Amino acid sequence: MVFRRTFFRTRCHKGTRRTTPQVGAGENWVCVEAFERPDGVAALADYDVSVRTDGCFVATGPTQLVGPAQMQAVDGRTIVNPLAEFDACFPT
């Protein structure tokens, strides 16, 4: 098995890049993730992010890249695609 050196970088901005300030809660955050696909090609994914005042957020990925919100498991069950949308909280 060969392991490649992969890269992963995420940059976020609120509204447009010229919107100020670039801090705080809101539904207008976009995080652009740079990563290496399994075939070695560099790719970008834009996640729409909604940040609440308590430090928690919901990030929604691009369907073209991460697939639909629900997907079919190997055994035929319909399951939630964990890359389509996820939530977490920053320590505040």
N, C-alpha and C. Protein backbone atom coordinates (compact mmCIF):
# COMPACT_ATOMS: atom_id res chain seq x y z
N MET A 1 0.84 -1.17 0.00
CA MET A 1 0.00 0.00 0.00
C MET A 1 0.90 1.24 0.00
N VAL A 2 0.56 2.20 -0.83
CA VAL A 2 1.34 3.44 -0.93
C VAL A 2 0.53 4.57 -0.31
N PHE A 3 1.17 5.31 0.57
CA PHE A 3 0.51 6.47 1.17
C PHE A 3 1.11 7.73 0.57
N ARG A 4 0.25 8.59 0.09
CA ARG A 4 0.68 9.87 -0.47
C ARG A 4 0.64 10.93 0.60
N ARG A 5 1.44 11.93 0.42
CA ARG A 5 1.37 13.09 1.29
C ARG A 5 0.14 13.88 0.85
N THR A 6 -0.82 14.05 1.74
CA THR A 6 -2.03 14.77 1.39
C THR A 6 -2.01 16.14 2.07
N PHE A 7 -2.79 17.04 1.52
CA PHE A 7 -2.92 18.35 2.15
C PHE A 7 -4.37 18.62 2.45
N PHE A 8 -4.58 19.44 3.44
CA PHE A 8 -5.92 19.78 3.87
C PHE A 8 -5.83 21.18 4.45
N ARG A 9 -6.57 22.10 3.88
CA ARG A 9 -6.54 23.48 4.36
C ARG A 9 -7.93 24.07 4.21
N THR A 10 -8.35 24.81 5.20
CA THR A 10 -9.65 25.45 5.15
C THR A 10 -9.52 26.92 5.49
N ARG A 11 -10.15 27.75 4.69
CA ARG A 11 -10.20 29.20 4.92
C ARG A 11 -11.66 29.61 4.93
N CYS A 12 -12.02 30.43 5.90
CA CYS A 12 -13.42 30.86 6.02
C CYS A 12 -13.52 32.37 5.92
N HIS A 13 -14.65 32.82 5.38
CA HIS A 13 -14.94 34.25 5.35
C HIS A 13 -16.44 34.46 5.54
N LYS A 14 -16.77 35.62 6.06
CA LYS A 14 -18.16 35.95 6.34
C LYS A 14 -18.67 36.87 5.25
N GLY A 15 -19.80 36.51 4.64
CA GLY A 15 -20.33 37.32 3.55
C GLY A 15 -19.37 37.28 2.38
N THR A 16 -19.00 38.45 1.90
CA THR A 16 -17.96 38.51 0.88
C THR A 16 -16.63 38.72 1.59
N ARG A 17 -15.56 38.56 0.88
CA ARG A 17 -14.24 38.73 1.50
C ARG A 17 -14.01 40.16 1.99
N ARG A 18 -14.78 41.10 1.47
CA ARG A 18 -14.63 42.50 1.88
C ARG A 18 -15.56 42.89 3.01
N THR A 19 -16.48 41.99 3.40
CA THR A 19 -17.37 42.27 4.51
C THR A 19 -16.56 42.39 5.79
N THR A 20 -16.84 43.40 6.56
CA THR A 20 -16.16 43.54 7.84
C THR A 20 -17.20 43.74 8.92
N PRO A 21 -16.99 43.28 10.11
CA PRO A 21 -15.83 42.48 10.51
C PRO A 21 -16.01 41.01 10.11
N GLN A 22 -14.93 40.29 10.03
CA GLN A 22 -14.95 38.87 9.68
C GLN A 22 -15.02 38.02 10.95
N VAL A 23 -15.93 38.37 11.83
CA VAL A 23 -16.12 37.66 13.10
C VAL A 23 -17.61 37.60 13.41
N GLY A 24 -17.96 36.75 14.35
CA GLY A 24 -19.32 36.74 14.87
C GLY A 24 -20.24 35.71 14.26
N ALA A 25 -21.41 35.64 14.87
CA ALA A 25 -22.42 34.69 14.44
C ALA A 25 -23.07 35.14 13.14
N GLY A 26 -23.71 34.22 12.48
CA GLY A 26 -24.44 34.55 11.26
C GLY A 26 -24.57 33.36 10.35
N GLU A 27 -25.48 33.49 9.39
CA GLU A 27 -25.72 32.41 8.43
C GLU A 27 -24.96 32.64 7.13
N ASN A 28 -24.08 33.60 7.11
CA ASN A 28 -23.42 33.96 5.85
C ASN A 28 -21.93 33.64 5.83
N TRP A 29 -21.50 32.61 6.54
CA TRP A 29 -20.12 32.17 6.49
C TRP A 29 -19.94 31.16 5.36
N VAL A 30 -18.79 31.21 4.70
CA VAL A 30 -18.42 30.22 3.70
C VAL A 30 -17.01 29.75 4.04
N CYS A 31 -16.83 28.45 4.10
CA CYS A 31 -15.50 27.88 4.34
C CYS A 31 -15.10 27.10 3.10
N VAL A 32 -13.95 27.43 2.55
CA VAL A 32 -13.43 26.77 1.36
C VAL A 32 -12.34 25.80 1.82
N GLU A 33 -12.56 24.53 1.53
CA GLU A 33 -11.63 23.49 1.93
C GLU A 33 -10.82 23.03 0.73
N ALA A 34 -9.51 23.06 0.87
CA ALA A 34 -8.62 22.54 -0.17
C ALA A 34 -8.14 21.17 0.29
N PHE A 35 -8.22 20.19 -0.60
CA PHE A 35 -7.84 18.84 -0.23
C PHE A 35 -7.38 18.08 -1.46
N GLU A 36 -6.82 16.92 -1.23
CA GLU A 36 -6.38 16.06 -2.32
C GLU A 36 -7.35 14.90 -2.46
N ARG A 37 -7.89 14.72 -3.66
CA ARG A 37 -8.80 13.60 -3.91
C ARG A 37 -8.01 12.30 -3.93
N PRO A 38 -8.69 11.16 -3.81
CA PRO A 38 -7.98 9.87 -3.82
C PRO A 38 -7.12 9.65 -5.06
N ASP A 39 -7.49 10.29 -6.19
CA ASP A 39 -6.69 10.12 -7.41
C ASP A 39 -5.50 11.08 -7.47
N GLY A 40 -5.27 11.83 -6.38
CA GLY A 40 -4.13 12.73 -6.29
C GLY A 40 -4.36 14.12 -6.83
N VAL A 41 -5.54 14.41 -7.35
CA VAL A 41 -5.85 15.72 -7.91
C VAL A 41 -6.31 16.67 -6.80
N ALA A 42 -5.80 17.90 -6.82
CA ALA A 42 -6.22 18.91 -5.84
C ALA A 42 -7.65 19.34 -6.13
N ALA A 43 -8.42 19.57 -5.09
CA ALA A 43 -9.82 19.96 -5.24
C ALA A 43 -10.21 20.98 -4.18
N LEU A 44 -11.29 21.70 -4.43
CA LEU A 44 -11.84 22.67 -3.49
C LEU A 44 -13.30 22.33 -3.20
N ALA A 45 -13.72 22.55 -1.98
CA ALA A 45 -15.13 22.37 -1.60
C ALA A 45 -15.56 23.58 -0.80
N ASP A 46 -16.67 24.19 -1.19
CA ASP A 46 -17.23 25.33 -0.46
C ASP A 46 -18.34 24.82 0.46
N TYR A 47 -18.16 25.02 1.75
CA TYR A 47 -19.18 24.67 2.73
C TYR A 47 -19.89 25.93 3.18
N ASP A 48 -21.23 25.94 3.14
CA ASP A 48 -22.01 27.03 3.70
C ASP A 48 -22.12 26.76 5.19
N VAL A 49 -21.81 27.77 5.99
CA VAL A 49 -21.76 27.58 7.43
C VAL A 49 -22.65 28.60 8.13
N SER A 50 -23.43 28.11 9.07
CA SER A 50 -24.27 28.96 9.90
C SER A 50 -23.73 28.86 11.33
N VAL A 51 -23.32 30.00 11.89
CA VAL A 51 -22.71 30.03 13.22
C VAL A 51 -23.66 30.71 14.20
N ARG A 52 -23.91 30.05 15.32
CA ARG A 52 -24.79 30.62 16.35
C ARG A 52 -23.96 31.39 17.39
N THR A 53 -24.61 32.19 18.17
CA THR A 53 -23.90 33.00 19.18
C THR A 53 -23.30 32.16 20.29
N ASP A 54 -23.75 30.92 20.47
CA ASP A 54 -23.18 30.06 21.51
C ASP A 54 -21.93 29.31 21.04
N GLY A 55 -21.46 29.60 19.81
CA GLY A 55 -20.25 28.96 19.29
C GLY A 55 -20.51 27.69 18.52
N CYS A 56 -21.76 27.28 18.40
CA CYS A 56 -22.09 26.07 17.64
C CYS A 56 -22.36 26.44 16.18
N PHE A 57 -22.14 25.48 15.28
CA PHE A 57 -22.33 25.76 13.86
C PHE A 57 -22.86 24.54 13.12
N VAL A 58 -23.42 24.80 11.95
CA VAL A 58 -23.85 23.75 11.02
C VAL A 58 -23.17 24.05 9.69
N ALA A 59 -22.50 23.08 9.13
CA ALA A 59 -21.82 23.23 7.84
C ALA A 59 -22.46 22.29 6.83
N THR A 60 -22.82 22.85 5.67
CA THR A 60 -23.45 22.07 4.61
C THR A 60 -22.52 22.02 3.41
N GLY A 61 -22.19 20.81 2.97
CA GLY A 61 -21.25 20.62 1.87
C GLY A 61 -21.91 20.65 0.51
N PRO A 62 -21.09 20.83 -0.53
CA PRO A 62 -21.61 20.87 -1.90
C PRO A 62 -22.03 19.47 -2.37
N THR A 63 -23.28 19.35 -2.78
CA THR A 63 -23.83 18.05 -3.20
C THR A 63 -23.01 17.42 -4.32
N GLN A 64 -22.50 18.25 -5.26
CA GLN A 64 -21.73 17.71 -6.38
C GLN A 64 -20.48 16.97 -5.91
N LEU A 65 -19.95 17.36 -4.76
CA LEU A 65 -18.72 16.76 -4.27
C LEU A 65 -18.96 15.71 -3.20
N VAL A 66 -19.82 16.01 -2.23
CA VAL A 66 -20.01 15.09 -1.10
C VAL A 66 -21.20 14.16 -1.26
N GLY A 67 -22.03 14.41 -2.26
CA GLY A 67 -23.19 13.56 -2.49
C GLY A 67 -24.43 14.10 -1.79
N PRO A 68 -25.55 13.38 -1.94
CA PRO A 68 -26.81 13.83 -1.36
C PRO A 68 -26.84 13.67 0.16
N ALA A 69 -27.84 14.27 0.80
CA ALA A 69 -27.98 14.21 2.26
C ALA A 69 -28.21 12.79 2.75
N GLN A 70 -28.85 11.97 1.94
CA GLN A 70 -29.05 10.57 2.30
C GLN A 70 -28.43 9.68 1.23
N MET A 71 -27.94 8.54 1.66
CA MET A 71 -27.30 7.62 0.73
C MET A 71 -27.68 6.19 1.09
N GLN A 72 -27.40 5.28 0.19
CA GLN A 72 -27.74 3.89 0.42
C GLN A 72 -26.52 3.14 0.93
N ALA A 73 -26.71 2.44 2.06
CA ALA A 73 -25.64 1.63 2.63
C ALA A 73 -25.48 0.35 1.82
N VAL A 74 -24.40 -0.36 2.04
CA VAL A 74 -24.12 -1.61 1.33
C VAL A 74 -25.25 -2.62 1.52
N ASP A 75 -25.86 -2.61 2.72
CA ASP A 75 -26.94 -3.57 2.99
C ASP A 75 -28.30 -3.09 2.49
N GLY A 76 -28.34 -1.95 1.78
CA GLY A 76 -29.58 -1.46 1.20
C GLY A 76 -30.33 -0.43 2.03
N ARG A 77 -29.92 -0.24 3.29
CA ARG A 77 -30.60 0.75 4.13
C ARG A 77 -30.28 2.16 3.66
N THR A 78 -31.21 3.09 3.88
CA THR A 78 -30.95 4.50 3.62
C THR A 78 -30.37 5.11 4.88
N ILE A 79 -29.21 5.75 4.73
CA ILE A 79 -28.52 6.34 5.88
C ILE A 79 -28.18 7.80 5.57
N VAL A 80 -27.85 8.54 6.61
CA VAL A 80 -27.45 9.95 6.47
C VAL A 80 -26.00 10.01 5.99
N ASN A 81 -25.74 10.83 5.01
CA ASN A 81 -24.39 11.05 4.52
C ASN A 81 -23.69 12.00 5.50
N PRO A 82 -22.67 11.54 6.22
CA PRO A 82 -22.04 12.39 7.24
C PRO A 82 -21.26 13.59 6.66
N LEU A 83 -20.97 13.57 5.37
CA LEU A 83 -20.25 14.69 4.76
C LEU A 83 -21.19 15.76 4.22
N ALA A 84 -22.46 15.43 4.05
CA ALA A 84 -23.41 16.38 3.47
C ALA A 84 -23.68 17.54 4.42
N GLU A 85 -23.83 17.24 5.70
CA GLU A 85 -24.07 18.29 6.69
C GLU A 85 -23.59 17.79 8.03
N PHE A 86 -22.89 18.63 8.75
CA PHE A 86 -22.45 18.25 10.09
C PHE A 86 -22.48 19.47 10.99
N ASP A 87 -22.56 19.22 12.28
CA ASP A 87 -22.57 20.31 13.25
C ASP A 87 -21.59 20.03 14.36
N ALA A 88 -21.16 21.09 15.01
CA ALA A 88 -20.21 20.99 16.11
C ALA A 88 -20.25 22.32 16.87
N CYS A 89 -19.48 22.38 17.94
CA CYS A 89 -19.41 23.60 18.74
C CYS A 89 -17.95 23.92 19.05
N PHE A 90 -17.62 25.21 18.99
CA PHE A 90 -16.32 25.68 19.43
C PHE A 90 -16.40 25.93 20.92
N PRO A 91 -15.30 25.69 21.66
CA PRO A 91 -15.34 26.03 23.09
C PRO A 91 -15.44 27.56 23.23
N THR A 92 -16.38 28.01 24.02
CA THR A 92 -16.53 29.47 24.20
C THR A 92 -16.33 29.87 25.64
